[in-house]
PDB file of N, CA and C in Angstrom:
ATOM      1  N   MET A   1       0.837 -72.053  44.309  1.00  0.00           N
ATOM      2  CA  MET A   1       0.428 -71.143  45.355  1.00  0.00           C
ATOM      3  C   MET A   1       1.526 -70.150  45.730  1.00  0.00           C
ATOM      4  N   ALA A   2       2.609 -70.144  45.004  1.00  0.00           N
ATOM      5  CA  ALA A   2       3.713 -69.250  45.343  1.00  0.00           C
ATOM      6  C   ALA A   2       3.289 -67.792  45.189  1.00  0.00           C
ATOM      7  N   ASN A   3       3.909 -66.927  45.947  1.00  0.00           N
ATOM      8  CA  ASN A   3       3.667 -65.504  45.834  1.00  0.00           C
ATOM      9  C   ASN A   3       4.029 -65.056  44.421  1.00  0.00           C
ATOM     10  N   MET A   4       3.220 -64.161  43.871  1.00  0.00           N
ATOM     11  CA  MET A   4       3.441 -63.686  42.511  1.00  0.00           C
ATOM     12  C   MET A   4       4.803 -63.005  42.354  1.00  0.00           C
ATOM     13  N   GLY A   5       5.345 -62.485  43.443  1.00  0.00           N
ATOM     14  CA  GLY A   5       6.672 -61.883  43.401  1.00  0.00           C
ATOM     15  C   GLY A   5       7.740 -62.900  43.032  1.00  0.00           C
ATOM     16  N   LEU A   6       7.565 -64.148  43.470  1.00  0.00           N
ATOM     17  CA  LEU A   6       8.514 -65.198  43.101  1.00  0.00           C
ATOM     18  C   LEU A   6       8.434 -65.470  41.602  1.00  0.00           C
ATOM     19  N   ASP A   7       7.218 -65.555  41.075  1.00  0.00           N
ATOM     20  CA  ASP A   7       7.036 -65.765  39.637  1.00  0.00           C
ATOM     21  C   ASP A   7       7.734 -64.665  38.841  1.00  0.00           C
ATOM     22  N   GLU A   8       7.527 -63.431  39.266  1.00  0.00           N
ATOM     23  CA  GLU A   8       8.117 -62.296  38.552  1.00  0.00           C
ATOM     24  C   GLU A   8       9.644 -62.315  38.638  1.00  0.00           C
ATOM     25  N   THR A   9      10.178 -62.552  39.832  1.00  0.00           N
ATOM     26  CA  THR A   9      11.624 -62.563  40.021  1.00  0.00           C
ATOM     27  C   THR A   9      12.284 -63.656  39.183  1.00  0.00           C
ATOM     28  N   LEU A  10      11.752 -64.874  39.274  1.00  0.00           N
ATOM     29  CA  LEU A  10      12.337 -65.978  38.502  1.00  0.00           C
ATOM     30  C   LEU A  10      12.210 -65.723  37.005  1.00  0.00           C
ATOM     31  N   GLY A  11      11.066 -65.173  36.581  1.00  0.00           N
ATOM     32  CA  GLY A  11      10.866 -64.836  35.167  1.00  0.00           C
ATOM     33  C   GLY A  11      11.888 -63.835  34.670  1.00  0.00           C
ATOM     34  N   ASN A  12      12.252 -62.879  35.529  1.00  0.00           N
ATOM     35  CA  ASN A  12      13.262 -61.883  35.153  1.00  0.00           C
ATOM     36  C   ASN A  12      14.626 -62.519  34.888  1.00  0.00           C
ATOM     37  N   TYR A  13      14.865 -63.688  35.464  1.00  0.00           N
ATOM     38  CA  TYR A  13      16.120 -64.413  35.258  1.00  0.00           C
ATOM     39  C   TYR A  13      15.980 -65.513  34.199  1.00  0.00           C
ATOM     40  N   GLY A  14      14.842 -65.517  33.510  1.00  0.00           N
ATOM     41  CA  GLY A  14      14.621 -66.504  32.450  1.00  0.00           C
ATOM     42  C   GLY A  14      14.319 -67.899  32.961  1.00  0.00           C
ATOM     43  N   ILE A  15      13.886 -67.999  34.206  1.00  0.00           N
ATOM     44  CA  ILE A  15      13.575 -69.301  34.795  1.00  0.00           C
ATOM     45  C   ILE A  15      12.094 -69.593  34.588  1.00  0.00           C
ATOM     46  N   ARG A  16      11.815 -70.739  33.980  1.00  0.00           N
ATOM     47  CA  ARG A  16      10.443 -71.137  33.693  1.00  0.00           C
ATOM     48  C   ARG A  16       9.782 -71.669  34.958  1.00  0.00           C
ATOM     49  N   ILE A  17       8.533 -71.289  35.159  1.00  0.00           N
ATOM     50  CA  ILE A  17       7.780 -71.696  36.342  1.00  0.00           C
ATOM     51  C   ILE A  17       6.652 -72.618  35.902  1.00  0.00           C
ATOM     52  N   ILE A  18       6.542 -73.761  36.558  1.00  0.00           N
ATOM     53  CA  ILE A  18       5.477 -74.729  36.292  1.00  0.00           C
ATOM     54  C   ILE A  18       4.657 -74.847  37.565  1.00  0.00           C
ATOM     55  N   LYS A  19       3.346 -74.789  37.439  1.00  0.00           N
ATOM     56  CA  LYS A  19       2.453 -74.936  38.595  1.00  0.00           C
ATOM     57  C   LYS A  19       1.875 -76.352  38.596  1.00  0.00           C
ATOM     58  N   THR A  20       1.800 -76.961  39.777  1.00  0.00           N
ATOM     59  CA  THR A  20       1.271 -78.316  39.917  1.00  0.00           C
ATOM     60  C   THR A  20       0.247 -78.338  41.045  1.00  0.00           C
ATOM     61  N   LYS A  21      -0.349 -79.488  41.234  1.00  0.00           N
ATOM     62  CA  LYS A  21      -1.179 -79.684  42.416  1.00  0.00           C
ATOM     63  C   LYS A  21      -0.270 -79.604  43.642  1.00  0.00           C
ATOM     64  N   VAL A  22      -0.868 -79.337  44.804  1.00  0.00           N
ATOM     65  CA  VAL A  22      -0.104 -79.251  46.044  1.00  0.00           C
ATOM     66  C   VAL A  22       0.363 -80.644  46.461  1.00  0.00           C
ATOM     67  N   GLY A  23       1.616 -80.746  46.865  1.00  0.00           N
ATOM     68  CA  GLY A  23       2.173 -82.004  47.351  1.00  0.00           C
ATOM     69  C   GLY A  23       3.486 -82.348  46.675  1.00  0.00           C
ATOM     70  N   ASP A  24       4.443 -82.823  47.472  1.00  0.00           N
ATOM     71  CA  ASP A  24       5.757 -83.209  46.927  1.00  0.00           C
ATOM     72  C   ASP A  24       5.604 -84.192  45.778  1.00  0.00           C
ATOM     73  N   ARG A  25       4.645 -85.096  45.909  1.00  0.00           N
ATOM     74  CA  ARG A  25       4.441 -86.117  44.883  1.00  0.00           C
ATOM     75  C   ARG A  25       4.188 -85.470  43.519  1.00  0.00           C
ATOM     76  N   TYR A  26       3.310 -84.471  43.492  1.00  0.00           N
ATOM     77  CA  TYR A  26       2.962 -83.827  42.229  1.00  0.00           C
ATOM     78  C   TYR A  26       4.090 -82.943  41.714  1.00  0.00           C
ATOM     79  N   VAL A  27       4.786 -82.288  42.638  1.00  0.00           N
ATOM     80  CA  VAL A  27       5.926 -81.467  42.243  1.00  0.00           C
ATOM     81  C   VAL A  27       6.994 -82.364  41.617  1.00  0.00           C
ATOM     82  N   MET A  28       7.309 -83.466  42.273  1.00  0.00           N
ATOM     83  CA  MET A  28       8.332 -84.386  41.773  1.00  0.00           C
ATOM     84  C   MET A  28       7.912 -84.992  40.430  1.00  0.00           C
ATOM     85  N   GLU A  29       6.637 -85.329  40.300  1.00  0.00           N
ATOM     86  CA  GLU A  29       6.127 -85.893  39.045  1.00  0.00           C
ATOM     87  C   GLU A  29       6.319 -84.903  37.898  1.00  0.00           C
ATOM     88  N   SER A  30       5.983 -83.650  38.127  1.00  0.00           N
ATOM     89  CA  SER A  30       6.141 -82.621  37.107  1.00  0.00           C
ATOM     90  C   SER A  30       7.613 -82.377  36.791  1.00  0.00           C
ATOM     91  N   MET A  31       8.448 -82.402  37.826  1.00  0.00           N
ATOM     92  CA  MET A  31       9.887 -82.225  37.610  1.00  0.00           C
ATOM     93  C   MET A  31      10.426 -83.319  36.695  1.00  0.00           C
ATOM     94  N   GLY A  32       9.963 -84.551  36.906  1.00  0.00           N
ATOM     95  CA  GLY A  32      10.394 -85.663  36.063  1.00  0.00           C
ATOM     96  C   GLY A  32       9.953 -85.489  34.622  1.00  0.00           C
ATOM     97  N   GLU A  33       8.741 -84.980  34.429  1.00  0.00           N
ATOM     98  CA  GLU A  33       8.196 -84.795  33.079  1.00  0.00           C
ATOM     99  C   GLU A  33       8.982 -83.772  32.275  1.00  0.00           C
ATOM    100  N   ILE A  34       9.476 -82.728  32.936  1.00  0.00           N
ATOM    101  CA  ILE A  34      10.169 -81.658  32.202  1.00  0.00           C
ATOM    102  C   ILE A  34      11.684 -81.689  32.379  1.00  0.00           C
ATOM    103  N   GLY A  35      12.178 -82.611  33.201  1.00  0.00           N
ATOM    104  CA  GLY A  35      13.621 -82.727  33.409  1.00  0.00           C
ATOM    105  C   GLY A  35      14.198 -81.684  34.353  1.00  0.00           C
ATOM    106  N   ALA A  36      13.383 -81.180  35.264  1.00  0.00           N
ATOM    107  CA  ALA A  36      13.856 -80.172  36.218  1.00  0.00           C
ATOM    108  C   ALA A  36      14.564 -80.837  37.394  1.00  0.00           C
ATOM    109  N   ASN A  37      15.476 -80.101  38.022  1.00  0.00           N
ATOM    110  CA  ASN A  37      16.130 -80.643  39.218  1.00  0.00           C
ATOM    111  C   ASN A  37      15.854 -79.808  40.466  1.00  0.00           C
ATOM    112  N   LEU A  38      14.988 -78.787  40.347  1.00  0.00           N
ATOM    113  CA  LEU A  38      14.628 -77.959  41.489  1.00  0.00           C
ATOM    114  C   LEU A  38      13.125 -77.690  41.457  1.00  0.00           C
ATOM    115  N   GLY A  39      12.476 -77.922  42.593  1.00  0.00           N
ATOM    116  CA  GLY A  39      11.044 -77.663  42.698  1.00  0.00           C
ATOM    117  C   GLY A  39      10.700 -77.358  44.135  1.00  0.00           C
ATOM    118  N   GLY A  40       9.516 -76.845  44.352  1.00  0.00           N
ATOM    119  CA  GLY A  40       9.143 -76.547  45.720  1.00  0.00           C
ATOM    120  C   GLY A  40       7.709 -76.112  45.868  1.00  0.00           C
ATOM    121  N   GLU A  41       7.345 -75.869  47.119  1.00  0.00           N
ATOM    122  CA  GLU A  41       5.996 -75.442  47.466  1.00  0.00           C
ATOM    123  C   GLU A  41       6.063 -74.251  48.398  1.00  0.00           C
ATOM    124  N   GLN A  42       4.967 -73.526  48.487  1.00  0.00           N
ATOM    125  CA  GLN A  42       4.907 -72.351  49.355  1.00  0.00           C
ATOM    126  C   GLN A  42       5.128 -72.722  50.821  1.00  0.00           C
ATOM    127  N   SER A  43       4.826 -73.964  51.168  1.00  0.00           N
ATOM    128  CA  SER A  43       5.017 -74.423  52.543  1.00  0.00           C
ATOM    129  C   SER A  43       6.483 -74.425  52.958  1.00  0.00           C
ATOM    130  N   GLY A  44       7.359 -74.307  51.988  1.00  0.00           N
ATOM    131  CA  GLY A  44       8.790 -74.318  52.283  1.00  0.00           C
ATOM    132  C   GLY A  44       9.472 -75.608  51.865  1.00  0.00           C
ATOM    133  N   HIS A  45       8.704 -76.580  51.401  1.00  0.00           N
ATOM    134  CA  HIS A  45       9.310 -77.819  50.904  1.00  0.00           C
ATOM    135  C   HIS A  45      10.024 -77.512  49.590  1.00  0.00           C
ATOM    136  N   ILE A  46      11.323 -77.689  49.586  1.00  0.00           N
ATOM    137  CA  ILE A  46      12.130 -77.483  48.394  1.00  0.00           C
ATOM    138  C   ILE A  46      12.734 -78.833  48.036  1.00  0.00           C
ATOM    139  N   ILE A  47      12.612 -79.215  46.766  1.00  0.00           N
ATOM    140  CA  ILE A  47      13.149 -80.493  46.302  1.00  0.00           C
ATOM    141  C   ILE A  47      14.358 -80.226  45.417  1.00  0.00           C
ATOM    142  N   PHE A  48      15.494 -80.737  45.815  1.00  0.00           N
ATOM    143  CA  PHE A  48      16.716 -80.722  45.019  1.00  0.00           C
ATOM    144  C   PHE A  48      16.886 -82.149  44.499  1.00  0.00           C
ATOM    145  N   LYS A  49      16.410 -82.414  43.292  1.00  0.00           N
ATOM    146  CA  LYS A  49      16.363 -83.770  42.756  1.00  0.00           C
ATOM    147  C   LYS A  49      17.737 -84.436  42.699  1.00  0.00           C
ATOM    148  N   ASP A  50      18.788 -83.648  42.617  1.00  0.00           N
ATOM    149  CA  ASP A  50      20.139 -84.222  42.597  1.00  0.00           C
ATOM    150  C   ASP A  50      20.488 -84.913  43.918  1.00  0.00           C
ATOM    151  N   TYR A  51      19.748 -84.574  44.989  1.00  0.00           N
ATOM    152  CA  TYR A  51      20.049 -85.109  46.311  1.00  0.00           C
ATOM    153  C   TYR A  51      18.927 -85.921  46.947  1.00  0.00           C
ATOM    154  N   ASN A  52      17.666 -85.615  46.607  1.00  0.00           N
ATOM    155  CA  ASN A  52      16.541 -86.275  47.262  1.00  0.00           C
ATOM    156  C   ASN A  52      15.286 -86.117  46.411  1.00  0.00           C
ATOM    157  N   THR A  53      14.264 -86.919  46.674  1.00  0.00           N
ATOM    158  CA  THR A  53      13.029 -86.851  45.903  1.00  0.00           C
ATOM    159  C   THR A  53      11.877 -86.234  46.688  1.00  0.00           C
ATOM    160  N   THR A  54      12.155 -85.729  47.870  1.00  0.00           N
ATOM    161  CA  THR A  54      11.138 -85.047  48.667  1.00  0.00           C
ATOM    162  C   THR A  54      11.745 -83.764  49.229  1.00  0.00           C
ATOM    163  N   GLY A  55      10.865 -82.884  49.715  1.00  0.00           N
ATOM    164  CA  GLY A  55      11.354 -81.662  50.330  1.00  0.00           C
ATOM    165  C   GLY A  55      12.163 -81.985  51.576  1.00  0.00           C
ATOM    166  N   ASP A  56      13.328 -81.378  51.696  1.00  0.00           N
ATOM    167  CA  ASP A  56      14.220 -81.675  52.811  1.00  0.00           C
ATOM    168  C   ASP A  56      14.826 -80.371  53.313  1.00  0.00           C
ATOM    169  N   GLY A  57      14.458 -79.982  54.535  1.00  0.00           N
ATOM    170  CA  GLY A  57      14.918 -78.723  55.098  1.00  0.00           C
ATOM    171  C   GLY A  57      16.422 -78.637  55.274  1.00  0.00           C
ATOM    172  N   LEU A  58      17.054 -79.753  55.653  1.00  0.00           N
ATOM    173  CA  LEU A  58      18.505 -79.745  55.857  1.00  0.00           C
ATOM    174  C   LEU A  58      19.247 -79.522  54.541  1.00  0.00           C
ATOM    175  N   ILE A  59      18.818 -80.215  53.488  1.00  0.00           N
ATOM    176  CA  ILE A  59      19.459 -80.027  52.176  1.00  0.00           C
ATOM    177  C   ILE A  59      19.240 -78.599  51.694  1.00  0.00           C
ATOM    178  N   THR A  60      18.039 -78.071  51.908  1.00  0.00           N
ATOM    179  CA  THR A  60      17.751 -76.691  51.508  1.00  0.00           C
ATOM    180  C   THR A  60      18.669 -75.719  52.252  1.00  0.00           C
ATOM    181  N   ALA A  61      18.817 -75.906  53.558  1.00  0.00           N
ATOM    182  CA  ALA A  61      19.687 -75.033  54.350  1.00  0.00           C
ATOM    183  C   ALA A  61      21.131 -75.107  53.855  1.00  0.00           C
ATOM    184  N   LEU A  62      21.609 -76.301  53.576  1.00  0.00           N
ATOM    185  CA  LEU A  62      22.990 -76.454  53.098  1.00  0.00           C
ATOM    186  C   LEU A  62      23.191 -75.799  51.732  1.00  0.00           C
ATOM    187  N   GLN A  63      22.201 -75.907  50.865  1.00  0.00           N
ATOM    188  CA  GLN A  63      22.314 -75.286  49.546  1.00  0.00           C
ATOM    189  C   GLN A  63      22.317 -73.758  49.658  1.00  0.00           C
ATOM    190  N   ILE A  64      21.507 -73.235  50.561  1.00  0.00           N
ATOM    191  CA  ILE A  64      21.484 -71.778  50.753  1.00  0.00           C
ATOM    192  C   ILE A  64      22.820 -71.299  51.329  1.00  0.00           C
ATOM    193  N   ILE A  65      23.351 -72.031  52.289  1.00  0.00           N
ATOM    194  CA  ILE A  65      24.667 -71.676  52.858  1.00  0.00           C
ATOM    195  C   ILE A  65      25.742 -71.724  51.783  1.00  0.00           C
ATOM    196  N   LYS A  66      25.697 -72.718  50.925  1.00  0.00           N
ATOM    197  CA  LYS A  66      26.657 -72.840  49.820  1.00  0.00           C
ATOM    198  C   LYS A  66      26.605 -71.595  48.921  1.00  0.00           C
ATOM    199  N   ILE A  67      25.388 -71.148  48.590  1.00  0.00           N
ATOM    200  CA  ILE A  67      25.231 -69.960  47.747  1.00  0.00           C
ATOM    201  C   ILE A  67      25.757 -68.721  48.473  1.00  0.00           C
ATOM    202  N   MET A  68      25.466 -68.604  49.765  1.00  0.00           N
ATOM    203  CA  MET A  68      25.950 -67.463  50.543  1.00  0.00           C
ATOM    204  C   MET A  68      27.480 -67.408  50.519  1.00  0.00           C
ATOM    205  N   ILE A  69      28.115 -68.557  50.659  1.00  0.00           N
ATOM    206  CA  ILE A  69      29.584 -68.607  50.645  1.00  0.00           C
ATOM    207  C   ILE A  69      30.119 -68.256  49.260  1.00  0.00           C
ATOM    208  N   GLU A  70      29.528 -68.860  48.220  1.00  0.00           N
ATOM    209  CA  GLU A  70      29.986 -68.601  46.848  1.00  0.00           C
ATOM    210  C   GLU A  70      29.826 -67.135  46.461  1.00  0.00           C
ATOM    211  N   LYS A  71      28.711 -66.536  46.837  1.00  0.00           N
ATOM    212  CA  LYS A  71      28.420 -65.139  46.463  1.00  0.00           C
ATOM    213  C   LYS A  71      28.998 -64.138  47.458  1.00  0.00           C
ATOM    214  N   LYS A  72      29.466 -64.656  48.607  1.00  0.00           N
ATOM    215  CA  LYS A  72      29.994 -63.807  49.678  1.00  0.00           C
ATOM    216  C   LYS A  72      28.977 -62.750  50.085  1.00  0.00           C
ATOM    217  N   LYS A  73      27.733 -63.224  50.294  1.00  0.00           N
ATOM    218  CA  LYS A  73      26.636 -62.335  50.691  1.00  0.00           C
ATOM    219  C   LYS A  73      25.847 -62.972  51.824  1.00  0.00           C
ATOM    220  N   THR A  74      25.241 -62.103  52.635  1.00  0.00           N
ATOM    221  CA  THR A  74      24.375 -62.594  53.701  1.00  0.00           C
ATOM    222  C   THR A  74      23.032 -63.005  53.093  1.00  0.00           C
ATOM    223  N   LEU A  75      22.252 -63.740  53.863  1.00  0.00           N
ATOM    224  CA  LEU A  75      20.936 -64.154  53.392  1.00  0.00           C
ATOM    225  C   LEU A  75      20.046 -62.940  53.140  1.00  0.00           C
ATOM    226  N   SER A  76      20.135 -61.939  53.992  1.00  0.00           N
ATOM    227  CA  SER A  76      19.321 -60.729  53.789  1.00  0.00           C
ATOM    228  C   SER A  76      19.723 -60.005  52.505  1.00  0.00           C
ATOM    229  N   GLU A  77      20.995 -60.021  52.159  1.00  0.00           N
ATOM    230  CA  GLU A  77      21.435 -59.411  50.897  1.00  0.00           C
ATOM    231  C   GLU A  77      20.898 -60.195  49.703  1.00  0.00           C
ATOM    232  N   LEU A  78      20.971 -61.507  49.778  1.00  0.00           N
ATOM    233  CA  LEU A  78      20.481 -62.340  48.682  1.00  0.00           C
ATOM    234  C   LEU A  78      18.966 -62.205  48.500  1.00  0.00           C
ATOM    235  N   SER A  79      18.254 -62.039  49.600  1.00  0.00           N
ATOM    236  CA  SER A  79      16.790 -61.995  49.529  1.00  0.00           C
ATOM    237  C   SER A  79      16.255 -60.678  48.959  1.00  0.00           C
ATOM    238  N   LYS A  80      17.110 -59.678  48.808  1.00  0.00           N
ATOM    239  CA  LYS A  80      16.652 -58.379  48.313  1.00  0.00           C
ATOM    240  C   LYS A  80      16.164 -58.424  46.863  1.00  0.00           C
ATOM    241  N   ILE A  81      16.519 -59.444  46.111  1.00  0.00           N
ATOM    242  CA  ILE A  81      16.064 -59.517  44.717  1.00  0.00           C
ATOM    243  C   ILE A  81      14.592 -59.911  44.623  1.00  0.00           C
ATOM    244  N   LEU A  82      14.032 -60.415  45.712  1.00  0.00           N
ATOM    245  CA  LEU A  82      12.639 -60.877  45.708  1.00  0.00           C
ATOM    246  C   LEU A  82      11.734 -59.845  46.365  1.00  0.00           C
ATOM    247  N   PHE A  83      10.759 -59.357  45.602  1.00  0.00           N
ATOM    248  CA  PHE A  83       9.730 -58.484  46.152  1.00  0.00           C
ATOM    249  C   PHE A  83       8.457 -59.295  46.253  1.00  0.00           C
ATOM    250  N   LYS A  84       7.956 -59.481  47.476  1.00  0.00           N
ATOM    251  CA  LYS A  84       6.724 -60.235  47.664  1.00  0.00           C
ATOM    252  C   LYS A  84       5.524 -59.312  47.473  1.00  0.00           C
ATOM    253  N   PHE A  85       4.600 -59.749  46.653  1.00  0.00           N
ATOM    254  CA  PHE A  85       3.365 -59.006  46.459  1.00  0.00           C
ATOM    255  C   PHE A  85       2.463 -59.230  47.672  1.00  0.00           C
ATOM    256  N   PRO A  86       1.722 -58.216  48.078  1.00  0.00           N
ATOM    257  CA  PRO A  86       0.782 -58.427  49.184  1.00  0.00           C
ATOM    258  C   PRO A  86      -0.248 -59.490  48.791  1.00  0.00           C
ATOM    259  N   GLN A  87      -0.552 -60.364  49.693  1.00  0.00           N
ATOM    260  CA  GLN A  87      -1.564 -61.384  49.409  1.00  0.00           C
ATOM    261  C   GLN A  87      -2.331 -61.697  50.675  1.00  0.00           C
ATOM    262  N   TYR A  88      -3.526 -62.184  50.467  1.00  0.00           N
ATOM    263  CA  TYR A  88      -4.397 -62.525  51.583  1.00  0.00           C
ATOM    264  C   TYR A  88      -5.102 -63.824  51.229  1.00  0.00           C
ATOM    265  N   ILE A  89      -5.005 -64.799  52.092  1.00  0.00           N
ATOM    266  CA  ILE A  89      -5.653 -66.081  51.867  1.00  0.00           C
ATOM    267  C   ILE A  89      -6.675 -66.287  52.969  1.00  0.00           C
ATOM    268  N   GLN A  90      -7.899 -66.625  52.570  1.00  0.00           N
ATOM    269  CA  GLN A  90      -8.952 -66.851  53.544  1.00  0.00           C
ATOM    270  C   GLN A  90      -9.781 -68.050  53.110  1.00  0.00           C
ATOM    271  N   ASN A  91     -10.036 -68.945  54.042  1.00  0.00           N
ATOM    272  CA  ASN A  91     -10.931 -70.070  53.782  1.00  0.00           C
ATOM    273  C   ASN A  91     -12.365 -69.596  53.890  1.00  0.00           C
ATOM    274  N   ILE A  92     -13.191 -70.012  52.963  1.00  0.00           N
ATOM    275  CA  ILE A  92     -14.604 -69.643  52.957  1.00  0.00           C
ATOM    276  C   ILE A  92     -15.428 -70.914  52.990  1.00  0.00           C
ATOM    277  N   LYS A  93     -16.352 -70.997  53.940  1.00  0.00           N
ATOM    278  CA  LYS A  93     -17.219 -72.168  54.031  1.00  0.00           C
ATOM    279  C   LYS A  93     -18.214 -72.155  52.876  1.00  0.00           C
ATOM    280  N   VAL A  94     -18.403 -73.312  52.280  1.00  0.00           N
ATOM    281  CA  VAL A  94     -19.342 -73.470  51.184  1.00  0.00           C
ATOM    282  C   VAL A  94     -20.557 -74.214  51.721  1.00  0.00           C
ATOM    283  N   LEU A  95     -21.722 -73.613  51.560  1.00  0.00           N
ATOM    284  CA  LEU A  95     -22.939 -74.239  52.075  1.00  0.00           C
ATOM    285  C   LEU A  95     -23.422 -75.377  51.187  1.00  0.00           C
ATOM    286  N   LYS A  96     -23.259 -75.199  49.876  1.00  0.00           N
ATOM    287  CA  LYS A  96     -23.716 -76.224  48.940  1.00  0.00           C
ATOM    288  C   LYS A  96     -22.688 -76.354  47.819  1.00  0.00           C
ATOM    289  N   LYS A  97     -22.135 -77.552  47.668  1.00  0.00           N
ATOM    290  CA  LYS A  97     -21.136 -77.786  46.626  1.00  0.00           C
ATOM    291  C   LYS A  97     -21.847 -78.182  45.340  1.00  0.00           C
ATOM    292  N   VAL A  98     -21.735 -77.329  44.342  1.00  0.00           N
ATOM    293  CA  VAL A  98     -22.363 -77.557  43.043  1.00  0.00           C
ATOM    294  C   VAL A  98     -21.294 -78.059  42.076  1.00  0.00           C
ATOM    295  N   PRO A  99     -21.545 -79.154  41.356  1.00  0.00           N
ATOM    296  CA  PRO A  99     -20.549 -79.658  40.407  1.00  0.00           C
ATOM    297  C   PRO A  99     -20.214 -78.612  39.323  1.00  0.00           C
ATOM    298  N   TRP A 100     -18.932 -78.564  38.950  1.00  0.00           N
ATOM    299  CA  TRP A 100     -18.479 -77.616  37.930  1.00  0.00           C
ATOM    300  C   TRP A 100     -19.230 -77.796  36.616  1.00  0.00           C
ATOM    301  N   SER A 101     -19.609 -79.019  36.330  1.00  0.00           N
ATOM    302  CA  SER A 101     -20.279 -79.302  35.059  1.00  0.00           C
ATOM    303  C   SER A 101     -21.556 -78.479  34.893  1.00  0.00           C
ATOM    304  N   GLN A 102     -22.183 -78.078  35.973  1.00  0.00           N
ATOM    305  CA  GLN A 102     -23.400 -77.269  35.893  1.00  0.00           C
ATOM    306  C   GLN A 102     -23.096 -75.838  35.404  1.00  0.00           C
ATOM    307  N   PHE A 103     -21.849 -75.417  35.516  1.00  0.00           N
ATOM    308  CA  PHE A 103     -21.489 -74.068  35.082  1.00  0.00           C
ATOM    309  C   PHE A 103     -20.946 -74.043  33.657  1.00  0.00           C
ATOM    310  N   LEU A 104     -20.625 -75.205  33.103  1.00  0.00           N
ATOM    311  CA  LEU A 104     -20.055 -75.284  31.767  1.00  0.00           C
ATOM    312  C   LEU A 104     -21.150 -75.279  30.716  1.00  0.00           C
ATOM    313  N   LYS A 105     -20.895 -74.565  29.636  1.00  0.00           N
ATOM    314  CA  LYS A 105     -21.874 -74.549  28.543  1.00  0.00           C
ATOM    315  C   LYS A 105     -21.674 -75.780  27.681  1.00  0.00           C
ATOM    316  N   SER A 106     -22.747 -76.283  27.178  1.00  0.00           N
ATOM    317  CA  SER A 106     -22.683 -77.484  26.311  1.00  0.00           C
ATOM    318  C   SER A 106     -22.208 -77.142  24.926  1.00  0.00           C
TER     319      SER A 106
END
């Protein structure tokens, strides 16, 4: 569910993006399958596998501060590499749930 701007930015740096079901459990499971040590969700849960197996705001904040110190840049300067694409999310009520199998051709 990440903004497409994140996909584009990470791709420009050669970073592979894997999409999973929503939830730390699924993100962590996928990270284990591919040997990744960083994962996250649009909700802001970031998993640094070297330190924890679930999203942790304090660890995320400390890692960002570490990068700011190493790069000698403010957070606003670092964030300039990311262009967020406009997006709109809306929940739509479904009156009748039809199984997907009815739409698949035999």
